[in-house]
Protein backbone atom coordinates (compact mmCIF):
# COMPACT_ATOMS: atom_id res chain seq x y z
CA MET A 1 6.54 -7.44 29.45
CA ALA A 2 7.63 -10.83 30.78
CA GLU A 3 8.60 -12.16 27.33
CA ILE A 4 11.27 -9.57 26.61
CA PRO A 5 13.79 -10.69 29.27
CA ASP A 6 13.42 -14.32 28.13
CA CYS A 7 14.25 -13.33 24.55
CA LYS A 8 17.27 -11.41 25.75
CA LYS A 9 18.49 -14.41 27.72
CA ASP A 10 18.08 -16.68 24.69
CA ASN A 11 20.05 -14.26 22.52
CA GLN A 12 22.79 -14.07 25.12
CA LEU A 13 23.00 -17.86 25.35
CA ASP A 14 23.14 -18.22 21.57
CA GLY A 15 25.86 -15.58 21.31
CA GLY A 16 27.83 -17.19 24.13
CA LEU A 17 27.74 -20.63 22.51
CA LEU A 18 28.79 -19.21 19.15
CA SER A 19 31.67 -17.35 20.78
CA GLN A 20 32.83 -20.49 22.59
CA PHE A 21 32.76 -22.64 19.43
CA THR A 22 34.76 -20.03 17.53
CA SER A 23 37.34 -19.80 20.30
CA PHE A 24 37.56 -23.62 20.35
CA PHE A 25 38.58 -23.63 16.68
CA ARG A 26 41.08 -20.80 17.09
CA GLY A 27 42.59 -22.37 20.18
CA GLY A 28 42.85 -25.79 18.58
CA THR A 29 44.72 -24.43 15.56
CA THR A 30 47.09 -22.48 17.78
CA GLY A 31 47.70 -25.46 20.04
CA ALA A 32 48.53 -27.74 17.12
CA LEU A 33 50.98 -25.30 15.53
CA THR A 34 52.77 -24.43 18.76
CA THR A 35 53.08 -28.11 19.69
CA LEU A 36 54.82 -28.91 16.41
CA LEU A 37 57.18 -25.97 16.87
CA VAL A 38 58.20 -26.56 20.47
CA PHE A 39 58.03 -30.36 20.58
CA PRO A 40 61.86 -30.77 20.41
CA VAL A 41 62.14 -28.45 23.41
CA TYR A 42 59.39 -30.39 25.16
CA LYS A 43 61.12 -33.72 24.50
CA THR A 44 64.39 -32.33 25.86
CA ILE A 45 62.60 -31.30 29.04
CA ASN A 46 61.06 -34.74 29.34
CA ARG A 47 64.47 -36.40 29.05
CA GLN A 48 65.82 -34.14 31.80
CA GLN A 49 62.90 -35.03 34.05
CA ILE A 50 63.23 -38.76 33.50
CA HIS A 51 67.02 -39.27 33.31
CA ASN A 52 68.12 -36.35 35.55
CA SER A 53 70.51 -35.12 32.86
CA THR A 54 71.74 -31.70 31.81
CA ILE A 55 70.54 -29.82 28.73
CA ARG A 56 73.72 -30.70 26.85
CA GLN A 57 73.38 -34.40 27.69
CA ALA A 58 69.72 -34.48 26.67
CA VAL A 59 70.41 -32.74 23.36
CA ALA A 60 73.34 -35.08 22.65
CA GLN A 61 71.13 -38.08 23.33
CA LEU A 62 68.50 -36.82 20.90
CA LYS A 63 71.18 -36.23 18.23
CA MET A 64 72.41 -39.79 18.61
CA GLU A 65 68.89 -41.14 18.11
CA GLY A 66 68.53 -39.16 14.88
CA LEU A 67 65.89 -36.98 13.27
CA PRO A 68 63.35 -39.77 12.57
CA LYS A 69 62.99 -40.39 16.31
CA LEU A 70 62.92 -36.70 17.22
CA TYR A 71 59.17 -36.52 16.71
CA ARG A 72 58.50 -39.99 18.13
CA GLY A 73 55.63 -39.56 20.54
CA VAL A 74 54.37 -36.30 19.02
CA VAL A 75 50.82 -37.61 18.51
CA PRO A 76 49.81 -37.72 22.21
CA PRO A 77 51.11 -34.21 23.07
CA LEU A 78 49.68 -32.88 19.81
CA LEU A 79 46.29 -34.26 20.76
CA GLN A 80 46.73 -33.10 24.34
CA ARG A 81 47.71 -29.52 23.51
CA THR A 82 45.02 -29.20 20.86
CA LEU A 83 42.33 -30.43 23.22
CA ASN A 84 43.78 -28.40 26.06
CA SER A 85 43.77 -25.11 24.16
CA THR A 86 40.28 -25.71 22.78
CA LEU A 87 38.63 -26.85 26.00
CA LEU A 88 40.45 -24.68 28.51
CA PHE A 89 38.95 -21.30 27.64
CA GLY A 90 35.52 -22.70 26.76
CA LEU A 91 35.21 -24.64 30.02
CA HIS A 92 36.52 -21.71 32.01
CA GLU A 93 33.99 -19.34 30.46
CA THR A 94 31.17 -21.80 31.13
CA PHE A 95 32.12 -22.29 34.78
CA LEU A 96 32.64 -18.56 35.20
CA GLN A 97 29.13 -17.79 33.96
CA LYS A 98 27.61 -20.37 36.28
CA LEU A 99 29.56 -19.10 39.28
CA THR A 100 28.59 -15.51 38.52
CA LEU A 101 24.89 -16.38 38.29
CA SER A 102 24.82 -18.64 41.35
CA SER A 103 27.07 -16.58 43.63
CA ARG A 104 25.23 -14.29 46.01
CA ALA A 105 28.34 -12.61 47.40
CA ALA A 106 30.00 -9.85 45.42
CA PHE A 107 33.42 -11.43 44.81
CA PRO A 108 35.96 -9.61 42.62
CA SER A 109 35.98 -10.70 38.99
CA HIS A 110 39.56 -12.00 39.23
CA THR A 111 38.64 -14.17 42.22
CA MET A 112 35.70 -15.65 40.36
CA SER A 113 37.98 -16.31 37.39
CA ALA A 114 40.43 -18.18 39.63
CA LEU A 115 37.62 -20.30 41.11
CA ALA A 116 36.45 -21.19 37.61
CA GLY A 117 40.04 -22.19 36.85
CA LEU A 118 39.93 -24.70 39.70
CA ALA A 119 36.88 -26.41 38.21
CA THR A 120 38.48 -26.37 34.78
CA GLY A 121 41.59 -28.08 36.15
CA VAL A 122 39.55 -31.00 37.47
CA VAL A 123 38.00 -31.64 34.05
CA GLU A 124 41.43 -31.33 32.44
CA ALA A 125 42.85 -33.99 34.74
CA VAL A 126 40.06 -36.41 33.84
CA VAL A 127 40.54 -35.89 30.10
CA PHE A 128 44.32 -35.59 29.80
CA THR A 129 45.72 -38.09 32.33
CA PRO A 130 45.41 -41.06 29.92
CA ILE A 131 46.97 -39.04 27.09
CA GLU A 132 49.92 -37.95 29.20
CA ARG A 133 50.35 -41.52 30.43
CA VAL A 134 50.78 -42.80 26.86
CA GLN A 135 52.99 -39.84 26.02
CA ASN A 136 55.47 -40.53 28.84
CA LEU A 137 55.65 -44.19 27.92
CA LEU A 138 56.43 -43.32 24.30
CA GLN A 139 59.10 -40.75 25.12
CA ASN A 140 61.01 -42.93 27.58
CA SER A 141 63.98 -44.39 25.71
CA GLN A 142 64.04 -47.39 28.04
CA ASN A 143 60.73 -48.55 26.55
CA TYR A 144 61.92 -48.65 22.91
CA MET A 145 62.50 -52.42 22.94
CA LYS A 146 59.65 -53.53 25.18
CA LEU A 147 57.08 -51.02 23.91
CA PRO A 148 58.09 -50.19 20.32
CA THR A 149 54.73 -48.95 19.01
CA LEU A 150 51.68 -47.07 20.18
CA ARG A 151 49.51 -50.13 19.58
CA ARG A 152 51.69 -52.20 21.92
CA ILE A 153 51.43 -49.55 24.65
CA LEU A 154 47.64 -49.40 24.36
CA PHE A 155 47.47 -53.19 24.51
CA GLU A 156 49.50 -53.29 27.74
CA LEU A 157 47.46 -50.49 29.35
CA ASN A 158 44.18 -52.18 28.46
CA ASN A 159 45.27 -55.23 30.44
CA GLN A 160 45.69 -53.13 33.60
CA ASN A 161 43.09 -51.48 35.79
CA LEU A 162 42.44 -47.75 35.40
CA ALA A 163 44.29 -46.71 38.57
CA SER A 164 47.58 -48.34 37.56
CA GLY A 165 47.03 -48.11 33.81
CA TYR A 166 45.61 -45.06 32.09
CA TYR A 167 44.94 -43.08 35.26
CA ARG A 168 48.22 -43.59 37.03
CA ALA A 169 49.28 -40.33 38.79
CA PHE A 170 45.75 -38.91 38.54
CA VAL A 171 45.91 -37.15 41.92
CA PRO A 172 49.14 -35.25 41.16
CA MET A 173 47.75 -34.38 37.75
CA MET A 174 44.59 -32.93 39.29
CA VAL A 175 46.57 -30.88 41.82
CA ARG A 176 48.87 -29.58 39.10
CA ASN A 177 46.08 -28.63 36.68
CA THR A 178 43.79 -27.02 39.25
CA LEU A 179 46.61 -24.98 40.78
CA GLY A 180 48.03 -23.96 37.43
CA SER A 181 44.64 -22.99 35.93
CA ALA A 182 43.62 -21.01 39.01
CA LEU A 183 46.89 -19.05 39.03
CA TYR A 184 46.80 -18.44 35.28
CA PHE A 185 43.23 -17.16 35.09
CA GLY A 186 43.50 -15.28 38.38
CA MET A 187 46.64 -13.39 37.31
CA LYS A 188 45.92 -12.91 33.60
CA GLY A 189 43.27 -10.23 34.06
CA PRO A 190 45.17 -7.92 36.45
CA ILE A 191 48.34 -8.22 34.35
CA TYR A 192 46.41 -7.37 31.20
CA ASP A 193 44.89 -4.28 32.82
CA ALA A 194 48.29 -3.12 34.05
CA VAL A 195 49.98 -3.64 30.67
CA GLN A 196 47.19 -2.03 28.65
CA ALA A 197 47.30 1.00 30.96
CA GLN A 198 50.79 1.66 29.56
CA GLY A 199 49.28 2.33 26.13
CA LEU A 200 50.34 -0.90 24.40
CA HIS A 201 48.33 -2.58 21.64
CA PRO A 202 45.65 -5.02 22.92
CA VAL A 203 47.31 -7.95 21.11
CA VAL A 204 50.65 -7.15 22.73
CA ALA A 205 48.95 -6.76 26.09
CA SER A 206 47.22 -10.14 25.70
CA PHE A 207 50.47 -11.89 24.71
CA THR A 208 52.32 -10.29 27.62
CA SER A 209 49.60 -11.16 30.13
CA GLY A 210 49.49 -14.78 28.97
CA THR A 211 53.27 -15.05 29.13
CA LEU A 212 53.67 -13.46 32.56
CA ALA A 213 50.72 -15.37 34.03
CA SER A 214 52.04 -18.74 32.85
CA CYS A 215 55.61 -18.28 34.11
CA PRO A 216 55.03 -18.29 37.91
CA SER A 217 52.35 -20.97 37.72
CA THR A 218 54.69 -23.16 35.65
CA PHE A 219 57.51 -22.78 38.16
CA LEU A 220 55.25 -23.64 41.10
CA VAL A 221 53.82 -26.81 39.53
CA TYR A 222 57.07 -27.95 37.89
CA PRO A 223 57.99 -30.42 40.70
CA ILE A 224 54.54 -31.97 40.38
CA SER A 225 55.06 -32.34 36.63
CA THR A 226 58.36 -34.09 37.31
CA LEU A 227 56.61 -36.43 39.73
CA VAL A 228 53.92 -37.24 37.17
CA ALA A 229 56.51 -37.97 34.46
CA ASN A 230 58.41 -40.34 36.74
CA MET A 231 55.25 -42.11 37.89
CA GLN A 232 54.06 -42.65 34.33
CA LYS A 233 57.34 -43.45 32.55
CA ARG A 234 57.01 -47.22 33.11
CA LEU A 235 54.21 -49.73 33.10
CA GLU A 236 55.02 -50.51 36.73
CA GLY A 237 56.58 -47.79 38.88
CA GLU A 238 59.01 -48.12 41.73
CA GLY A 239 56.25 -47.52 44.26
CA SER A 240 52.55 -48.11 44.49
CA GLY A 241 51.54 -44.59 45.51
CA VAL A 242 52.37 -40.91 45.37
CA ARG A 243 54.43 -40.93 48.59
CA ALA A 244 56.60 -43.83 47.51
CA CYS A 245 57.25 -42.33 44.07
CA TRP A 246 58.01 -38.95 45.59
CA ARG A 247 60.49 -40.55 48.00
CA VAL A 248 62.29 -42.25 45.11
CA LEU A 249 62.32 -38.99 43.13
CA TRP A 250 63.62 -36.95 46.09
CA GLU A 251 66.39 -39.43 46.77
CA GLY A 252 67.30 -39.54 43.08
CA ARG A 253 67.61 -35.75 43.02
CA GLN A 254 70.03 -35.94 45.99
CA ARG A 255 67.55 -34.13 48.23
CA SER A 256 68.22 -30.90 46.37
CA VAL A 257 65.62 -28.39 45.22
CA LEU A 258 67.92 -27.22 42.43
CA GLN A 259 68.17 -30.76 41.09
CA LEU A 260 64.40 -31.06 41.34
CA TYR A 261 63.98 -27.94 39.20
CA ARG A 262 66.36 -29.13 36.49
CA GLY A 263 64.91 -28.21 33.11
CA GLY A 264 62.78 -25.41 34.53
CA SER A 265 64.18 -22.78 32.18
CA LEU A 266 63.04 -24.75 29.13
CA VAL A 267 59.63 -25.25 30.68
CA VAL A 268 59.27 -21.49 31.01
CA LEU A 269 60.32 -21.01 27.39
CA ARG A 270 57.76 -23.52 26.15
CA SER A 271 55.07 -22.05 28.38
CA CYS A 272 55.78 -18.50 27.20
CA ILE A 273 55.48 -19.48 23.54
CA SER A 274 52.34 -21.60 23.83
CA TRP A 275 50.27 -19.67 26.37
CA GLY A 276 51.33 -16.25 25.11
CA VAL A 277 50.19 -17.02 21.56
CA THR A 278 47.04 -18.83 22.72
CA THR A 279 46.01 -15.96 24.98
CA ALA A 280 46.64 -13.37 22.27
CA LEU A 281 44.56 -15.27 19.70
CA TYR A 282 41.73 -15.93 22.13
CA ASP A 283 41.47 -12.31 23.27
CA TRP A 284 41.72 -11.08 19.67
CA GLN A 285 38.84 -13.34 18.65
CA LYS A 286 36.81 -12.20 21.63
CA ARG A 287 37.31 -8.53 20.76
CA ARG A 288 36.48 -9.23 17.13
CA GLN A 289 33.18 -10.86 18.08
CA ALA A 290 32.30 -8.12 20.55
CA LYS A 291 32.40 -5.28 17.97
CA PRO A 292 29.58 -6.47 15.67
CA LYS A 293 27.58 -7.52 18.72
CA ASP A 294 27.75 -3.99 20.09
CA ARG A 295 26.66 -2.56 16.76
CA ASN A 296 23.69 -4.91 16.59
CA GLN A 297 22.65 -4.04 20.11
CA ASN A 298 22.80 -0.33 19.37
CA SER A 299 20.76 -0.68 16.17
CA ALA A 300 18.20 -2.84 17.97
CA ARG A 301 17.78 -0.24 20.67
CA MET A 302 17.27 2.55 18.12
CA SER A 303 14.68 0.57 16.17
CA ASP A 304 12.76 -0.45 19.27
CA ASN A 305 12.35 3.01 20.73
CA PRO A 306 14.11 5.83 18.87
CA VAL A 307 12.40 8.53 20.93
CA LYS A 308 13.71 7.03 24.15
CA GLU A 309 17.20 6.77 22.63
CA GLU A 310 17.17 10.48 21.72
CA VAL A 311 15.93 11.39 25.17
CA GLU A 312 18.75 9.43 26.80
CA LYS A 313 21.35 11.13 24.60
CA PHE A 314 19.90 14.61 25.16
CA ASN A 315 22.13 16.83 27.27
CA ARG A 316 19.93 18.25 29.97
CA ARG A 317 22.64 20.64 31.08
CA SER A 318 22.24 22.62 27.86
CA LEU A 319 18.80 23.83 28.98
CA LYS A 320 18.61 27.40 30.25
CA LYS A 321 17.22 27.98 33.66
CA THR A 322 13.91 29.88 33.61
CA ASP A 323 11.85 31.40 36.37
CA THR A 324 8.58 29.53 36.48
CA LEU A 325 7.05 31.70 39.19
CA VAL A 326 4.40 34.12 37.88
CA LYS A 327 3.79 37.21 40.00
CA GLN A 328 0.11 38.10 40.49
CA HIS A 329 -0.84 41.83 40.57
CA VAL A 330 -3.05 42.89 43.51
CA PRO A 331 -5.14 46.03 42.61
CA THR A 332 -5.06 48.97 44.99
CA LYS A 333 -8.06 51.00 46.27
CA GLU A 334 -7.35 53.85 43.89
CA GLU A 335 -7.41 51.49 40.94
CA LEU A 336 -10.71 49.99 42.12
CA GLU A 337 -12.32 53.44 42.47
CA GLN A 338 -11.14 54.44 39.02
CA GLU A 339 -12.66 51.28 37.57
CA LYS A 340 -15.99 52.02 39.28
CA LYS A 341 -16.00 55.61 37.95
CA ALA A 342 -15.26 54.33 34.51
CA GLU A 343 -18.16 51.89 34.67
CA LYS A 344 -20.62 54.61 35.85
CA SER A 345 -19.51 56.95 33.10
CA GLU A 346 -20.07 54.21 30.53
CA GLN A 347 -23.58 53.51 31.89
CA SER A 348 -24.53 57.14 31.79
């Protein structure tokens, strides 16, 4: 009896790992395609964040540089988005399973999903801070002469320590990723339930939930993204820490929140395209894997104990009520006397 639960656990672990690897491949393909499609929009946003320019000025600057330089610096974001889309859901699912097994309190599922998003954001910051550092150096037009190639940038970063080199702006990156992941995963589930209740197709519901969940989180962390871009745009920043860089950024934006949120509309557009498609593909793959798994579980149950399966499916309400009480007849004196007379007459 003790071996059966262990086998079930092993099967669940094997199925979970297979599902995660499949979602990694699907997410990586989606991340690569969406990055190539929205990279011009992303580069326009980056120019607005760095140079504090309008959309028209940023687009005009990109036109002057020409088409060959439009995709300059696409390799780091392509690698970043591919890794991000492949690792994000897999890491979140892993942390969510561990939190569910180790948690003794009965937290709501959406709360547990948000907590798993916090842990996922920490891992993301460790992995993607060096990539985003190289990306911001490549996309800054002021570095074209001093840092013309990716090899030159890597050479300069290798000569610096990790804090000022590859991992510059690590703390803002960690805050941004943990907050964004927690909001995304915490809001995605309730939005999906609300949209699907309206009778929409599951794919449409997944795309809508991913889009709506990414929009508010993107707006909230946008100032942090601007701070990270300005801290990482040069080999040596204006200040040595987060406070000094934030002070320079705030003064450069004329102490205005509207100036600080310049480019936010394009960020929402990019976020809607990428996270909406990624969420739809991930949920579609998850539903596709769940259908054959359910069929296998049902067939396994029938083969193990078909009698028990039929008993569980039997409708007990269809049984007719019967009276199980049996009335016992008590003979009277007259009946006893008649029996005695009958016995005597037989003997005679």
